[in-house]
């Protein structure tokens, strides 16, 4: 049996190259997306060496798009959107309009058609979900007001792009688009109605039935069959795109009690095909555009990094939000990603966007994703206020001795802090973000900053403290904090949160006195309840 079949070759080459370049990008503190795109360039037809089968890569990319859109639907939340609708909906729409206008302006200078300019502008208007969420998570902003606004803004952008994927093929037909537009809207409406009336009942019932069989394999298969089957059926029966079908399948599943499990079970496959999608996009990129049209590339990057950011900043300020929120939103939107690639590929396949437009979009994505961490760093250093300037009295914290220091005020820390105060302990809290909801009794003890920074730890006066409690979920960051704290105070009692035996060993090797394994504590409490033993009640949230 031959082992060099084209399908096997493109999958193996794509995944291996993505792993190598993704790891290199991570080591260089860049997004792995950059590595995946570069991997595609390396095995594409525009660079020497191995050349993958582009037609097969494109088909794998279609599967990647379906699973990407299914993931977007799974994480879509009307509740998150409604919480910040007053700024997210009008803000995102105005920002998209501004980016489209700038993109159409550049397209006009390049001599492209109006429709090409519109698709080009749309592709430049939408931020990458992967990059934005990663940036928010790395800075622990998801649970803050700024993070909620950014995520809500992103949801609106994603919705607009989902609708665009439906409307662009209609625009590509040219001529009188009124009748085709009405027919398309009717088909989408019929499909949406079918999914909301029938799918909303059948899909959760099916998952409930499969889940009760106790078979993980069947459950995983049921979720994938739903995603791919609905996508294929949407295209075949209703004439709508695979992407829209997959999005609706994910959205319906998101309302099911099994949504979290569905997301977890399908994550490895979704990640693998998402990687192949980015690799296939990189294969389409002709790097010579950077040399042949440097001004066009520069203008594209300027629209993404500066044009969109300025528009977002002005919009957020106009809605009365703080400059801190405005800068965070501006930086988080200053990049493009997966939806831009989907729009670019669709535009080229429909022959309404020139291949040069796709190359400019890909170049803009690569450079903007590379610049995004630098933009955040510049804003953190030169624009945003110093840690103690956010709702915390100026000057050094009041000197204490024999106090406790709590790092992190998330799901665990927000229960630990008030309980310690209630027990009569004097407390200082280190939290990366000052706009997390803090009780009034803890506001004066707050130190805003990254606890991994020695200067922030110094403000907590660890040399006088009797205990340090590290309640953040990231073990690697916890280990850094523990190691530095131990160096500052060799006799300090350090209690750290862990999720496994391996993490406990790692934290102890860095200097933790005691580690608390969440899974073991849950098991201990369950056994205590089952055997009638003493078990501490968890405060109601």
Protein backbone atom coordinates (compact mmCIF):
# COMPACT_ATOMS: atom_id res chain seq x y z
CA UNK A 1 0.00 0.00 0.00
CA UNK A 2 1.39 3.41 -1.01
CA UNK A 3 2.05 5.78 1.87
CA UNK A 4 2.49 8.96 -0.16
CA UNK A 5 -1.13 9.55 -1.11
CA UNK A 6 -1.86 13.26 -1.70
CA UNK A 7 -4.49 13.47 1.06
CA UNK A 8 -2.23 11.86 3.64
CA UNK A 9 0.73 13.95 2.47
CA UNK A 10 -1.09 17.29 2.82
CA UNK A 11 -2.48 16.41 6.26
CA UNK A 12 0.88 15.21 7.59
CA UNK A 13 2.88 18.04 6.01
CA UNK A 14 0.35 20.64 7.16
CA UNK A 15 0.19 19.46 10.76
CA UNK A 16 3.94 18.88 11.12
CA UNK A 17 4.83 22.25 9.57
CA UNK A 18 2.15 23.97 11.69
CA UNK A 19 3.57 22.36 14.83
CA UNK A 20 7.14 23.44 14.04
CA UNK A 21 6.33 27.01 13.02
CA UNK A 22 3.61 27.36 15.68
CA UNK A 23 6.09 26.34 18.39
CA UNK A 24 8.65 28.81 17.00
CA UNK A 25 6.06 31.59 17.01
CA UNK A 26 5.12 30.77 20.60
CA UNK A 27 8.79 30.90 21.63
CA UNK A 28 9.06 34.32 19.99
CA UNK A 29 5.98 35.43 22.02
CA UNK A 30 3.86 35.68 18.87
CA UNK A 31 0.45 34.16 18.24
CA UNK A 32 0.65 30.54 17.00
CA UNK A 33 -1.65 31.68 14.17
CA UNK A 34 1.38 33.38 12.65
CA UNK A 35 3.20 30.05 12.73
CA UNK A 36 0.31 28.24 11.05
CA UNK A 37 0.14 30.80 8.26
CA UNK A 38 3.92 30.69 7.75
CA UNK A 39 3.69 26.87 7.67
CA UNK A 40 1.22 27.18 4.80
CA UNK A 41 3.52 29.57 2.98
CA UNK A 42 6.42 27.12 3.45
CA UNK A 43 4.55 24.20 1.84
CA UNK A 44 2.70 26.33 -0.71
CA UNK A 45 3.35 26.78 -4.43
CA UNK A 46 5.09 30.17 -4.05
CA UNK A 47 8.08 28.88 -2.07
CA UNK A 48 10.70 26.23 -2.94
CA UNK A 49 10.67 22.71 -1.53
CA UNK A 50 7.68 20.49 -0.80
CA UNK A 51 4.44 21.71 -2.42
CA UNK A 52 1.17 20.40 -1.02
CA UNK A 53 -1.90 19.62 -3.12
CA UNK A 54 -3.75 22.95 -3.12
CA UNK A 55 -7.11 21.51 -4.19
CA UNK A 56 -7.09 19.01 -1.31
CA UNK A 57 -5.95 21.72 1.09
CA UNK A 58 -8.90 23.84 -0.01
CA UNK A 59 -11.34 21.01 0.71
CA UNK A 60 -9.81 20.45 4.13
CA UNK A 61 -10.10 24.18 4.70
CA UNK A 62 -13.85 23.95 3.99
CA UNK A 63 -14.13 21.37 6.75
CA UNK A 64 -12.08 23.66 8.96
CA UNK A 65 -14.45 26.55 8.23
CA UNK A 66 -17.47 24.40 9.14
CA UNK A 67 -15.92 23.39 12.48
CA UNK A 68 -14.72 26.95 13.15
CA UNK A 69 -18.21 28.33 12.59
CA UNK A 70 -19.67 25.53 14.72
CA UNK A 71 -17.32 26.62 17.51
CA UNK A 72 -18.38 30.26 17.08
CA UNK A 73 -22.01 29.19 17.38
CA UNK A 74 -21.25 27.08 20.48
CA UNK A 75 -19.76 30.10 22.23
CA UNK A 76 -22.33 32.58 20.97
CA UNK A 77 -24.19 34.16 23.88
CA UNK A 78 -27.17 36.48 23.58
CA UNK A 79 -26.84 37.11 27.31
CA UNK A 80 -23.26 38.40 26.98
CA UNK A 81 -24.32 40.56 24.04
CA UNK A 82 -27.37 42.00 25.82
CA UNK A 83 -25.28 42.90 28.87
CA UNK A 84 -23.24 45.40 26.82
CA UNK A 85 -25.68 45.99 23.93
CA UNK A 86 -25.82 49.76 24.49
CA UNK A 87 -22.20 50.16 23.35
CA UNK A 88 -21.34 46.87 21.58
CA UNK A 89 -24.08 46.90 18.92
CA UNK A 90 -23.87 50.52 17.68
CA UNK A 91 -20.12 50.65 18.32
CA UNK A 92 -19.33 47.54 16.28
CA UNK A 93 -21.63 48.57 13.42
CA UNK A 94 -20.09 52.06 13.19
CA UNK A 95 -16.57 50.65 13.40
CA UNK A 96 -17.33 48.10 10.65
CA UNK A 97 -18.73 50.92 8.51
CA UNK A 98 -15.59 53.01 9.04
CA UNK A 99 -13.29 50.10 8.17
CA UNK A 100 -15.33 49.24 5.06
CA UNK A 101 -15.14 52.88 3.94
CA UNK A 102 -11.34 52.93 4.39
CA UNK A 103 -10.99 49.59 2.60
CA UNK A 104 -13.14 50.78 -0.31
CA UNK A 105 -11.04 53.93 -0.52
CA UNK A 106 -7.83 51.94 -0.84
CA UNK A 107 -9.46 49.59 -3.34
CA UNK A 108 -10.53 52.56 -5.47
CA UNK A 109 -6.92 53.82 -5.50
CA UNK A 110 -5.84 50.35 -6.66
CA UNK A 111 -8.40 50.41 -9.47
CA UNK A 112 -10.67 47.66 -8.18
CA UNK A 113 -14.44 47.46 -8.61
CA UNK A 114 -16.89 48.76 -6.02
CA UNK A 115 -17.93 45.22 -5.01
CA UNK A 116 -14.28 44.17 -4.66
CA UNK A 117 -13.68 47.18 -2.44
CA UNK A 118 -16.71 46.30 -0.32
CA UNK A 119 -15.52 42.71 0.25
CA UNK A 120 -11.97 43.97 0.91
CA UNK A 121 -13.24 46.49 3.47
CA UNK A 122 -15.41 43.89 5.19
CA UNK A 123 -12.42 41.55 5.49
CA UNK A 124 -10.40 44.33 7.15
CA UNK A 125 -13.21 45.24 9.56
CA UNK A 126 -13.50 42.06 11.63
CA UNK A 127 -11.07 41.04 14.37
CA UNK A 128 -9.88 37.49 14.91
CA UNK A 129 -11.90 35.72 17.61
CA UNK A 130 -8.90 33.53 18.45
CA UNK A 131 -6.44 36.43 18.81
CA UNK A 132 -8.84 38.71 20.71
CA UNK A 133 -9.89 36.07 23.24
CA UNK A 134 -6.27 34.98 23.73
CA UNK A 135 -5.23 38.59 24.39
CA UNK A 136 -8.09 39.03 26.89
CA UNK A 137 -7.28 35.75 28.67
CA UNK A 138 -3.53 36.44 28.85
CA UNK A 139 -4.27 39.76 30.58
CA UNK A 140 -7.10 38.28 32.67
CA UNK A 141 -9.58 40.78 31.26
CA UNK A 142 -12.45 38.44 30.35
CA UNK A 143 -14.33 39.01 33.62
CA UNK A 144 -13.77 42.78 33.66
CA UNK A 145 -16.04 45.44 32.21
CA UNK A 146 -13.52 46.08 29.43
CA UNK A 147 -13.39 42.40 28.60
CA UNK A 148 -17.17 42.08 28.46
CA UNK A 149 -17.43 45.06 26.11
CA UNK A 150 -14.71 43.62 23.84
CA UNK A 151 -16.38 40.19 23.71
CA UNK A 152 -19.80 41.75 23.04
CA UNK A 153 -18.29 43.88 20.28
CA UNK A 154 -16.73 40.74 18.80
CA UNK A 155 -20.08 38.90 18.86
CA UNK A 156 -21.68 41.71 16.82
CA UNK A 157 -18.81 41.61 14.32
CA UNK A 158 -19.18 37.84 14.00
CA UNK A 159 -22.94 38.15 13.40
CA UNK A 160 -22.39 40.74 10.67
CA UNK A 161 -19.83 38.47 9.01
CA UNK A 162 -22.20 35.48 9.17
CA UNK A 163 -24.83 37.55 7.35
CA UNK A 164 -22.19 38.76 4.88
CA UNK A 165 -21.33 35.18 3.95
CA UNK A 166 -24.96 34.80 2.87
CA UNK A 167 -25.24 38.09 0.99
CA UNK A 168 -21.90 38.20 -0.87
CA UNK A 169 -22.79 35.39 -3.32
CA UNK A 170 -25.92 37.38 -4.22
CA UNK A 171 -23.82 40.50 -4.87
CA UNK A 172 -21.47 38.42 -7.03
CA UNK A 173 -24.26 37.65 -9.51
CA UNK A 174 -24.49 41.28 -10.53
CA UNK A 175 -27.40 42.84 -12.42
CA UNK A 176 -30.71 43.25 -10.65
CA UNK A 177 -30.07 41.80 -7.19
CA UNK A 178 -33.49 42.62 -5.68
CA UNK A 179 -35.17 39.29 -6.54
CA UNK A 180 -32.11 37.10 -5.72
CA UNK A 181 -31.72 39.01 -2.45
CA UNK A 182 -35.35 38.38 -1.50
CA UNK A 183 -35.03 34.69 -2.42
CA UNK A 184 -31.83 34.37 -0.38
CA UNK A 185 -33.37 36.10 2.64
CA UNK A 186 -36.40 33.81 2.33
CA UNK A 187 -34.17 30.71 2.25
CA UNK A 188 -32.18 31.88 5.26
CA UNK A 189 -35.42 32.69 7.08
CA UNK A 190 -36.85 29.25 6.28
CA UNK A 191 -33.67 27.55 7.50
CA UNK A 192 -33.57 29.67 10.68
CA UNK A 193 -37.23 28.89 11.37
CA UNK A 194 -36.63 25.18 10.82
CA UNK A 195 -33.66 25.18 13.21
CA UNK A 196 -35.47 27.22 15.88
CA UNK A 197 -38.68 25.16 15.69
CA UNK A 198 -37.47 21.66 14.86
CA UNK A 199 -33.74 21.69 15.58
CA UNK A 200 -34.21 23.32 18.98
CA UNK A 201 -36.22 20.31 20.08
CA UNK A 202 -34.64 17.44 18.17
CA UNK A 203 -30.94 18.22 18.74
CA UNK A 204 -31.07 18.55 22.57
CA UNK A 205 -33.34 15.47 22.78
CA UNK A 206 -30.91 13.46 20.66
CA UNK A 207 -27.91 14.52 22.76
CA UNK A 208 -29.80 13.76 25.96
CA UNK A 209 -30.61 10.27 24.67
CA UNK A 210 -27.04 9.58 23.52
CA UNK A 211 -25.54 10.96 26.75
CA UNK A 212 -27.60 8.49 28.78
CA UNK A 213 -26.06 5.57 26.89
CA UNK A 214 -22.84 6.34 28.74
CA UNK A 215 -20.75 6.14 25.56
CA UNK A 216 -18.33 9.05 25.07
CA UNK A 217 -17.57 7.89 21.53
CA UNK A 218 -21.24 8.00 20.52
CA UNK A 219 -21.72 11.40 22.16
CA UNK A 220 -18.69 12.82 20.36
CA UNK A 221 -19.92 11.32 17.10
CA UNK A 222 -23.41 12.75 17.68
CA UNK A 223 -22.01 16.26 18.13
CA UNK A 224 -19.84 16.04 15.00
CA UNK A 225 -22.67 14.48 12.98
CA UNK A 226 -24.93 17.34 14.07
CA UNK A 227 -22.39 20.00 13.07
CA UNK A 228 -21.49 18.51 9.70
CA UNK A 229 -24.96 17.11 8.93
CA UNK A 230 -26.74 20.40 9.59
CA UNK A 231 -24.12 22.29 7.56
CA UNK A 232 -24.47 19.90 4.62
CA UNK A 233 -28.26 19.83 4.88
CA UNK A 234 -28.42 23.63 5.03
CA UNK A 235 -26.50 23.84 1.76
CA UNK A 236 -28.39 21.03 0.03
CA UNK A 237 -31.96 21.72 1.14
CA UNK A 238 -32.02 25.48 1.75
CA UNK A 239 -29.21 26.68 -0.51
CA UNK A 240 -27.41 28.52 2.29
CA UNK A 241 -23.69 28.28 3.05
CA UNK A 242 -21.99 25.50 5.01
CA UNK A 243 -20.73 28.18 7.38
CA UNK A 244 -24.21 29.47 8.25
CA UNK A 245 -25.51 25.93 8.78
CA UNK A 246 -22.65 25.10 11.12
CA UNK A 247 -23.14 28.37 13.02
CA UNK A 248 -26.82 27.59 13.62
CA UNK A 249 -25.97 24.03 14.68
CA UNK A 250 -23.55 25.40 17.26
CA UNK A 251 -26.03 28.05 18.41
CA UNK A 252 -28.75 25.43 18.95
CA UNK A 253 -26.32 23.19 20.83
CA UNK A 254 -25.25 26.15 22.98
CA UNK A 255 -28.73 26.19 24.53
CA UNK A 256 -28.47 22.52 25.52
CA UNK A 257 -27.35 21.47 29.01
CA UNK A 258 -24.69 19.43 27.21
CA UNK A 259 -23.13 22.43 25.44
CA UNK A 260 -20.06 22.52 27.68
CA UNK A 261 -19.42 18.82 27.18
CA UNK A 262 -20.04 19.13 23.43
CA UNK A 263 -17.44 21.89 23.23
CA UNK A 264 -14.90 19.86 25.20
CA UNK A 265 -15.43 16.61 23.30
CA UNK A 266 -15.04 18.22 19.86
CA UNK A 267 -12.25 20.64 20.76
CA UNK A 268 -9.31 18.46 19.58
CA UNK A 269 -10.87 17.85 16.15
CA UNK A 270 -11.96 21.47 15.81
CA UNK A 271 -8.45 22.62 16.71
CA UNK A 272 -6.81 20.22 14.25
CA UNK A 273 -8.96 21.28 11.31
CA UNK A 274 -8.74 24.94 12.30
CA UNK A 275 -4.96 24.58 12.06
CA UNK A 276 -5.32 23.00 8.60
CA UNK A 277 -7.58 25.90 7.62
CA UNK A 278 -4.91 28.45 8.54
CA UNK A 279 -2.26 26.36 6.78
CA UNK A 280 -4.37 26.23 3.61
CA UNK A 281 -4.83 29.99 3.76
CA UNK A 282 -1.05 30.42 4.03
CA UNK A 283 -0.59 28.21 0.97
CA UNK A 284 -2.61 30.72 -1.06
CA UNK A 285 -0.43 33.66 -0.01
CA UNK A 286 2.15 34.95 -2.46
CA UNK A 287 4.92 36.59 -0.36
CA UNK A 288 6.15 38.53 -3.38
CA UNK A 289 3.29 41.02 -2.83
CA UNK A 290 5.32 42.50 0.04
CA UNK A 291 8.11 43.38 -2.42
CA UNK A 292 5.97 44.20 -5.46
CA UNK A 293 3.34 46.31 -3.68
CA UNK A 294 4.90 47.55 -0.42
CA UNK A 295 2.79 50.72 -0.27
CA UNK A 296 -0.45 48.77 -0.67
CA UNK A 297 0.64 46.36 2.08
CA UNK A 298 1.59 49.28 4.33
CA UNK A 299 -1.76 50.99 3.69
CA UNK A 300 -3.64 47.76 4.47
CA UNK A 301 -1.77 47.28 7.75
CA UNK A 302 -2.34 50.96 8.62
CA UNK A 303 -6.11 50.56 8.14
CA UNK A 304 -6.17 47.48 10.39
CA UNK A 305 -3.82 48.67 13.13
CA UNK A 306 -4.46 52.41 13.19
CA UNK A 307 -7.63 53.16 11.22
CA UNK A 308 -9.81 50.60 13.03
CA UNK A 309 -8.21 51.40 16.40
CA UNK A 310 -8.79 55.13 16.11
CA UNK A 311 -12.39 54.57 15.02
CA UNK A 312 -13.01 52.19 17.95
CA UNK A 313 -11.32 54.56 20.42
CA UNK A 314 -13.43 57.53 19.32
CA UNK A 315 -16.64 55.46 19.42
CA UNK A 316 -15.98 54.15 22.95
CA UNK A 317 -15.15 57.65 24.23
CA UNK A 318 -18.30 59.02 22.54
CA UNK A 319 -20.34 56.50 24.54
CA UNK A 320 -18.96 57.89 27.77
CA UNK A 321 -16.64 55.02 28.67
CA UNK A 322 -13.23 55.55 30.26
CA UNK A 323 -10.08 56.08 28.24
CA UNK A 324 -8.74 52.86 29.78
CA UNK A 325 -11.67 50.93 28.27
CA UNK A 326 -11.29 52.77 24.96
CA UNK A 327 -7.60 51.91 24.63
CA UNK A 328 -8.23 48.25 25.51
CA UNK A 329 -11.00 47.92 22.90
CA UNK A 330 -8.88 49.75 20.31
CA UNK A 331 -5.90 47.44 20.84
CA UNK A 332 -7.96 44.25 20.89
CA UNK A 333 -9.59 45.07 17.53
CA UNK A 334 -6.34 46.08 15.79
CA UNK A 335 -5.93 42.75 13.96
CA UNK A 336 -7.82 40.47 11.59
CA UNK A 337 -8.05 36.70 11.27
CA UNK A 338 -10.26 33.75 10.43
CA UNK A 339 -13.38 35.56 9.13
CA UNK A 340 -11.17 37.77 6.98
CA UNK A 341 -9.62 34.66 5.40
CA UNK A 342 -13.06 33.14 4.78
CA UNK A 343 -14.28 36.34 3.11
CA UNK A 344 -11.09 36.64 1.05
CA UNK A 345 -11.32 33.03 -0.17
CA UNK A 346 -15.00 33.45 -1.00
CA UNK A 347 -14.35 36.71 -2.87
CA UNK A 348 -11.64 35.13 -5.01
CA UNK A 349 -13.67 31.97 -5.71
CA UNK A 350 -16.65 34.11 -6.80
CA UNK A 351 -14.28 36.22 -8.93
CA UNK A 352 -15.31 39.49 -7.29
CA UNK A 353 -12.03 40.04 -5.43
CA UNK A 354 -8.69 39.96 -7.26
CA UNK A 355 -6.03 37.58 -5.98
CA UNK A 356 -3.95 40.64 -5.10
CA UNK A 357 -6.72 41.58 -2.65
CA UNK A 358 -6.48 38.22 -0.95
CA UNK A 359 -2.68 38.60 -0.71
CA UNK A 360 -3.07 42.05 0.86
CA UNK A 361 -5.60 40.68 3.38
CA UNK A 362 -3.27 37.82 4.31
CA UNK A 363 -0.28 40.17 4.60
CA UNK A 364 -2.37 42.52 6.73
CA UNK A 365 -3.42 39.64 8.98
CA UNK A 366 0.13 38.38 9.48
CA UNK A 367 1.59 41.80 10.28
CA UNK A 368 -1.34 42.95 12.44
CA UNK A 369 -1.30 39.76 14.55
CA UNK A 370 2.47 40.17 14.98
CA UNK A 371 2.05 43.81 16.02
CA UNK A 372 -0.90 43.21 18.38
CA UNK A 373 1.13 42.14 21.47
CA UNK A 374 3.47 45.10 20.89
CA UNK A 375 0.47 47.44 20.72
CA UNK A 376 -0.88 46.12 24.03
CA UNK A 377 2.57 46.45 25.60
CA UNK A 378 2.91 50.04 24.39
CA UNK A 379 -0.53 50.95 25.74
CA UNK A 380 0.21 49.26 29.09
CA UNK A 381 3.47 51.15 29.40
CA UNK A 382 2.77 54.59 28.01
CA UNK A 383 -0.99 55.14 28.03
CA UNK A 384 -2.81 53.24 30.78
CA UNK A 385 -2.40 54.50 34.35
CA UNK A 386 0.01 52.96 36.79
CA UNK A 387 -1.32 50.04 38.86
CA UNK A 388 -2.27 52.11 41.92
CA UNK A 389 -4.09 54.73 39.84
CA UNK A 390 -7.23 52.68 39.22
CA UNK A 391 -9.65 53.20 42.07
CA UNK A 392 -6.87 52.83 44.65
CA UNK A 393 -5.47 55.60 46.82
CA UNK A 394 -2.23 57.11 45.51
CA UNK A 395 1.06 56.42 47.21
CA UNK A 396 2.40 53.23 48.74
CA UNK A 397 0.02 50.95 50.62
CA UNK A 398 -0.23 51.48 54.38
CA UNK A 399 2.49 49.49 56.13
CA UNK A 400 1.34 46.23 57.72
CA UNK A 401 2.93 43.37 59.57
CA UNK A 402 1.62 39.87 60.14
CA UNK A 403 -0.92 40.31 57.33
CA UNK A 404 -1.97 37.94 54.57
CA UNK A 405 -1.60 38.52 50.81
CA UNK A 406 -4.13 37.12 48.35
CA UNK A 407 -3.22 36.89 44.66
CA UNK A 408 -6.20 36.78 42.30
CA UNK A 409 -9.82 37.78 42.86
CA UNK A 410 -11.60 35.47 40.44
CA UNK A 411 -13.95 32.58 41.20
CA UNK A 412 -11.76 31.29 44.05
CA UNK A 413 -10.18 34.50 45.33
CA UNK A 414 -13.54 36.30 45.52
CA UNK A 415 -14.63 33.71 48.11
CA UNK A 416 -11.33 33.49 49.97
CA UNK A 417 -10.88 37.26 50.46
CA UNK A 418 -14.17 38.10 52.25
CA UNK A 419 -13.88 34.92 54.35
CA UNK A 420 -10.43 35.95 55.61
CA UNK A 421 -11.66 39.46 56.46
CA UNK A 422 -14.63 37.92 58.29
CA UNK A 423 -12.17 35.77 60.25
CA UNK A 424 -10.42 38.95 61.41
CA UNK A 425 -7.33 38.70 59.19
CA UNK A 426 -5.65 41.80 57.78
CA UNK A 427 -5.43 41.37 54.03
CA UNK A 428 -3.85 42.76 50.91
CA UNK A 429 -5.21 41.67 47.52
CA UNK A 430 -3.17 41.69 44.30
CA UNK A 431 -5.35 41.66 41.18
CA UNK A 432 -4.25 42.30 37.59
CA UNK A 433 -7.27 44.46 36.82
CA UNK A 434 -8.85 47.17 38.93
CA UNK A 435 -12.31 47.02 37.33
CA UNK A 436 -13.18 43.60 38.77
CA UNK A 437 -16.07 43.85 41.27
CA UNK A 438 -14.49 44.22 44.72
CA UNK A 439 -16.35 44.43 48.04
CA UNK A 440 -16.03 47.82 49.71
CA UNK A 441 -14.25 46.31 52.71
CA UNK A 442 -11.42 45.13 50.43
CA UNK A 443 -11.12 48.19 48.18
CA UNK A 444 -8.52 49.91 50.37
CA UNK A 445 -6.37 46.77 50.48
CA UNK A 446 -6.26 46.37 46.70
CA UNK A 447 -3.00 46.46 44.74
CA UNK A 448 -3.60 46.51 40.99
CA UNK A 449 -0.90 44.85 38.92
CA UNK A 450 0.63 41.57 37.80
CA UNK A 451 1.78 39.61 40.85
CA UNK A 452 4.53 38.01 38.74
CA UNK A 453 6.21 41.44 38.75
CA UNK A 454 8.71 41.89 41.63
CA UNK A 455 7.73 45.55 42.01
CA UNK A 456 4.08 44.61 42.55
CA UNK A 457 4.99 41.91 45.06
CA UNK A 458 7.14 44.44 46.88
CA UNK A 459 4.08 46.68 47.38
CA UNK A 460 2.43 43.82 49.27
CA UNK A 461 5.30 43.88 51.82
CA UNK A 462 5.80 40.13 51.73
CA UNK A 463 8.80 40.41 54.04
CA UNK A 464 6.34 41.38 56.82
CA UNK A 465 3.48 39.06 55.80
CA UNK A 466 2.63 35.80 57.52
CA UNK A 467 0.99 34.07 54.53
CA UNK A 468 0.59 34.29 50.76
CA UNK A 469 -2.42 32.69 49.07
CA UNK A 470 -2.11 32.24 45.30
CA UNK A 471 -5.65 31.72 43.95
CA UNK A 472 -5.14 32.21 40.21
CA UNK A 473 -5.79 29.19 37.90
CA UNK A 474 -2.65 29.49 35.74
CA UNK A 475 -0.06 27.18 37.32
CA UNK A 476 2.91 28.52 35.37
CA UNK A 477 2.19 32.08 36.46
CA UNK A 478 1.53 30.84 40.01
CA UNK A 479 4.93 29.14 40.02
CA UNK A 480 6.64 32.41 39.04
CA UNK A 481 4.86 34.23 41.86
CA UNK A 482 5.70 31.51 44.39
CA UNK A 483 9.37 31.47 43.39
CA UNK A 484 9.73 35.25 43.72
CA UNK A 485 7.78 35.34 46.97
CA UNK A 486 9.99 32.64 48.48
CA UNK A 487 13.08 34.66 47.54
CA UNK A 488 11.61 37.75 49.23
CA UNK A 489 10.64 35.90 52.42
CA UNK A 490 12.17 32.45 53.04
CA UNK A 491 9.92 31.89 56.10
CA UNK A 492 6.63 32.89 54.42
CA UNK A 493 3.71 30.45 54.49
CA UNK A 494 2.72 30.03 50.81
CA UNK A 495 -0.55 28.32 49.89
CA UNK A 496 -1.11 27.77 46.15
CA UNK A 497 -3.98 26.49 44.05
CA UNK A 498 -3.37 23.44 41.83
CA UNK A 499 -5.36 21.15 39.56
CA UNK A 500 -3.28 17.96 39.52
CA UNK A 501 -0.56 16.09 41.38
CA UNK A 502 1.99 17.19 38.77
CA UNK A 503 1.06 20.84 39.32
CA UNK A 504 1.34 20.36 43.09
CA UNK A 505 4.87 18.96 42.70
CA UNK A 506 5.83 21.84 40.41
CA UNK A 507 4.54 24.49 42.81
CA UNK A 508 6.25 22.85 45.79
CA UNK A 509 9.52 22.72 43.87
CA UNK A 510 9.26 26.49 43.45
CA UNK A 511 8.71 27.06 47.16
CA UNK A 512 5.03 26.55 47.98
CA UNK A 513 4.49 25.38 51.57
CA UNK A 514 1.05 23.91 50.91
CA UNK A 515 -0.91 23.22 47.74
CA UNK A 516 -4.65 22.78 47.43
CA UNK A 517 -5.75 20.35 44.74
CA UNK A 518 -9.25 21.31 43.60
CA UNK A 519 -10.19 17.82 42.45
CA UNK A 520 -9.03 16.22 45.70
CA UNK A 521 -10.99 18.75 47.75
CA UNK A 522 -14.15 18.00 45.77
CA UNK A 523 -13.60 14.27 46.28
CA UNK A 524 -13.00 14.75 50.03
CA UNK A 525 -16.20 16.77 50.40
CA UNK A 526 -18.26 14.24 48.46
CA UNK A 527 -16.94 11.38 50.62
CA UNK A 528 -17.61 13.43 53.76
CA UNK A 529 -21.21 14.06 52.75
CA UNK A 530 -21.77 10.45 51.66
CA UNK A 531 -20.39 8.98 54.90
CA UNK A 532 -21.96 11.55 57.21
CA UNK A 533 -18.60 13.02 58.11
CA UNK A 534 -17.98 16.68 58.80
CA UNK A 535 -17.84 18.81 55.63
CA UNK A 536 -17.48 22.55 55.46
CA UNK A 537 -20.29 24.32 53.63
CA UNK A 538 -19.29 26.43 50.66
CA UNK A 539 -20.64 29.99 50.88
CA UNK A 540 -23.49 30.64 48.48
CA UNK A 541 -22.40 32.72 45.50
